[in-house]
Amino acid sequence: MMDLSLLKALCEADAIAASEQEVRQILLDEAGSPA
């Protein structure tokens, strides 16, 4: 069985990565659109 704290850390890391990707996409969209 997987360690629960490890599983929690992986979930948090995944959530952080997903939100970073979202922020990056928003910034790219704003940079790509005319001011």
PDB file of N, CA and C in Angstrom:
ATOM      1  N   MET A   1       0.840  -1.213   0.000  1.00  0.00           N
ATOM      2  CA  MET A   1       0.000   0.000   0.000  1.00  0.00           C
ATOM      3  C   MET A   1       0.868   1.255   0.000  1.00  0.00           C
ATOM      4  N   MET A   2       0.417   2.225  -0.740  1.00  0.00           N
ATOM      5  CA  MET A   2       1.177   3.461  -0.876  1.00  0.00           C
ATOM      6  C   MET A   2       1.077   4.303   0.395  1.00  0.00           C
ATOM      7  N   ASP A   3       2.148   4.996   0.713  1.00  0.00           N
ATOM      8  CA  ASP A   3       2.151   5.868   1.878  1.00  0.00           C
ATOM      9  C   ASP A   3       1.200   7.038   1.642  1.00  0.00           C
ATOM     10  N   LEU A   4       0.329   7.287   2.621  1.00  0.00           N
ATOM     11  CA  LEU A   4      -0.714   8.296   2.454  1.00  0.00           C
ATOM     12  C   LEU A   4      -0.140   9.707   2.330  1.00  0.00           C
ATOM     13  N   SER A   5       0.914   9.998   3.096  1.00  0.00           N
ATOM     14  CA  SER A   5       1.514  11.327   3.025  1.00  0.00           C
ATOM     15  C   SER A   5       2.192  11.550   1.671  1.00  0.00           C
ATOM     16  N   LEU A   6       2.752  10.479   1.109  1.00  0.00           N
ATOM     17  CA  LEU A   6       3.352  10.566  -0.222  1.00  0.00           C
ATOM     18  C   LEU A   6       2.278  10.843  -1.269  1.00  0.00           C
ATOM     19  N   LEU A   7       1.161  10.131  -1.141  1.00  0.00           N
ATOM     20  CA  LEU A   7       0.054  10.309  -2.065  1.00  0.00           C
ATOM     21  C   LEU A   7      -0.485  11.739  -1.998  1.00  0.00           C
ATOM     22  N   LYS A   8      -0.589  12.270  -0.777  1.00  0.00           N
ATOM     23  CA  LYS A   8      -1.068  13.636  -0.579  1.00  0.00           C
ATOM     24  C   LYS A   8      -0.102  14.644  -1.210  1.00  0.00           C
ATOM     25  N   ALA A   9       1.195  14.407  -1.032  1.00  0.00           N
ATOM     26  CA  ALA A   9       2.204  15.291  -1.607  1.00  0.00           C
ATOM     27  C   ALA A   9       2.139  15.277  -3.133  1.00  0.00           C
ATOM     28  N   LEU A  10       1.928  14.094  -3.707  1.00  0.00           N
ATOM     29  CA  LEU A  10       1.813  13.977  -5.160  1.00  0.00           C
ATOM     30  C   LEU A  10       0.586  14.724  -5.680  1.00  0.00           C
ATOM     31  N   CYS A  11      -0.523  14.618  -4.954  1.00  0.00           N
ATOM     32  CA  CYS A  11      -1.748  15.317  -5.347  1.00  0.00           C
ATOM     33  C   CYS A  11      -1.545  16.828  -5.303  1.00  0.00           C
ATOM     34  N   GLU A  12      -0.872  17.303  -4.253  1.00  0.00           N
ATOM     35  CA  GLU A  12      -0.628  18.734  -4.127  1.00  0.00           C
ATOM     36  C   GLU A  12       0.308  19.232  -5.221  1.00  0.00           C
ATOM     37  N   ALA A  13       1.351  18.459  -5.514  1.00  0.00           N
ATOM     38  CA  ALA A  13       2.289  18.830  -6.568  1.00  0.00           C
ATOM     39  C   ALA A  13       1.584  18.888  -7.917  1.00  0.00           C
ATOM     40  N   ASP A  14       0.673  17.946  -8.148  1.00  0.00           N
ATOM     41  CA  ASP A  14      -0.079  17.905  -9.395  1.00  0.00           C
ATOM     42  C   ASP A  14      -0.997  19.114  -9.510  1.00  0.00           C
ATOM     43  N   ALA A  15      -1.629  19.502  -8.399  1.00  0.00           N
ATOM     44  CA  ALA A  15      -2.513  20.661  -8.392  1.00  0.00           C
ATOM     45  C   ALA A  15      -1.729  21.942  -8.660  1.00  0.00           C
ATOM     46  N   ILE A  16      -0.542  22.048  -8.067  1.00  0.00           N
ATOM     47  CA  ILE A  16       0.320  23.208  -8.291  1.00  0.00           C
ATOM     48  C   ILE A  16       0.738  23.285  -9.756  1.00  0.00           C
ATOM     49  N   ALA A  17       1.141  22.162 -10.323  1.00  0.00           N
ATOM     50  CA  ALA A  17       1.554  22.119 -11.724  1.00  0.00           C
ATOM     51  C   ALA A  17       0.403  22.522 -12.643  1.00  0.00           C
ATOM     52  N   ALA A  18      -0.806  22.059 -12.328  1.00  0.00           N
ATOM     53  CA  ALA A  18      -1.973  22.381 -13.142  1.00  0.00           C
ATOM     54  C   ALA A  18      -2.281  23.873 -13.090  1.00  0.00           C
ATOM     55  N   SER A  19      -2.193  24.479 -11.912  1.00  0.00           N
ATOM     56  CA  SER A  19      -2.494  25.899 -11.799  1.00  0.00           C
ATOM     57  C   SER A  19      -1.409  26.744 -12.461  1.00  0.00           C
ATOM     58  N   GLU A  20      -0.152  26.289 -12.398  1.00  0.00           N
ATOM     59  CA  GLU A  20       0.928  26.987 -13.097  1.00  0.00           C
ATOM     60  C   GLU A  20       0.692  26.967 -14.600  1.00  0.00           C
ATOM     61  N   GLN A  21       0.255  25.818 -15.112  1.00  0.00           N
ATOM     62  CA  GLN A  21      -0.032  25.686 -16.540  1.00  0.00           C
ATOM     63  C   GLN A  21      -1.172  26.620 -16.932  1.00  0.00           C
ATOM     64  N   GLU A  22      -2.173  26.745 -16.062  1.00  0.00           N
ATOM     65  CA  GLU A  22      -3.318  27.607 -16.315  1.00  0.00           C
ATOM     66  C   GLU A  22      -2.890  29.073 -16.367  1.00  0.00           C
ATOM     67  N   VAL A  23      -2.073  29.483 -15.399  1.00  0.00           N
ATOM     68  CA  VAL A  23      -1.568  30.857 -15.356  1.00  0.00           C
ATOM     69  C   VAL A  23      -0.745  31.160 -16.604  1.00  0.00           C
ATOM     70  N   ARG A  24       0.117  30.213 -16.985  1.00  0.00           N
ATOM     71  CA  ARG A  24       0.958  30.387 -18.167  1.00  0.00           C
ATOM     72  C   ARG A  24       0.096  30.576 -19.418  1.00  0.00           C
ATOM     73  N   GLN A  25      -0.981  29.800 -19.520  1.00  0.00           N
ATOM     74  CA  GLN A  25      -1.860  29.890 -20.677  1.00  0.00           C
ATOM     75  C   GLN A  25      -2.570  31.244 -20.718  1.00  0.00           C
ATOM     76  N   ILE A  26      -3.000  31.732 -19.560  1.00  0.00           N
ATOM     77  CA  ILE A  26      -3.648  33.047 -19.477  1.00  0.00           C
ATOM     78  C   ILE A  26      -2.677  34.141 -19.916  1.00  0.00           C
ATOM     79  N   LEU A  27      -1.442  34.067 -19.436  1.00  0.00           N
ATOM     80  CA  LEU A  27      -0.436  35.060 -19.810  1.00  0.00           C
ATOM     81  C   LEU A  27      -0.153  35.018 -21.308  1.00  0.00           C
ATOM     82  N   LEU A  28      -0.077  33.813 -21.867  1.00  0.00           N
ATOM     83  CA  LEU A  28       0.154  33.674 -23.303  1.00  0.00           C
ATOM     84  C   LEU A  28      -1.014  34.234 -24.104  1.00  0.00           C
ATOM     85  N   ASP A  29      -2.237  33.991 -23.632  1.00  0.00           N
ATOM     86  CA  ASP A  29      -3.422  34.517 -24.313  1.00  0.00           C
ATOM     87  C   ASP A  29      -3.423  36.044 -24.299  1.00  0.00           C
ATOM     88  N   GLU A  30      -3.063  36.629 -23.151  1.00  0.00           N
ATOM     89  CA  GLU A  30      -3.028  38.087 -23.042  1.00  0.00           C
ATOM     90  C   GLU A  30      -1.921  38.675 -23.904  1.00  0.00           C
ATOM     91  N   ALA A  31      -0.780  38.007 -23.950  1.00  0.00           N
ATOM     92  CA  ALA A  31       0.346  38.481 -24.748  1.00  0.00           C
ATOM     93  C   ALA A  31       0.027  38.376 -26.241  1.00  0.00           C
ATOM     94  N   GLY A  32      -0.761  37.369 -26.601  1.00  0.00           N
ATOM     95  CA  GLY A  32      -1.080  37.129 -28.003  1.00  0.00           C
ATOM     96  C   GLY A  32      -2.192  38.018 -28.526  1.00  0.00           C
ATOM     97  N   SER A  33      -2.999  38.581 -27.619  1.00  0.00           N
ATOM     98  CA  SER A  33      -4.106  39.431 -28.061  1.00  0.00           C
ATOM     99  C   SER A  33      -3.686  40.896 -28.077  1.00  0.00           C
ATOM    100  N   PRO A  34      -4.245  41.690 -28.999  1.00  0.00           N
ATOM    101  CA  PRO A  34      -3.898  43.116 -29.072  1.00  0.00           C
ATOM    102  C   PRO A  34      -4.314  43.852 -27.806  1.00  0.00           C
ATOM    103  N   ALA A  35      -3.527  44.816 -27.392  1.00  0.00           N
ATOM    104  CA  ALA A  35      -3.784  45.550 -26.153  1.00  0.00           C
ATOM    105  C   ALA A  35      -5.063  46.381 -26.253  1.00  0.00           C
TER     106      ALA A  35
END
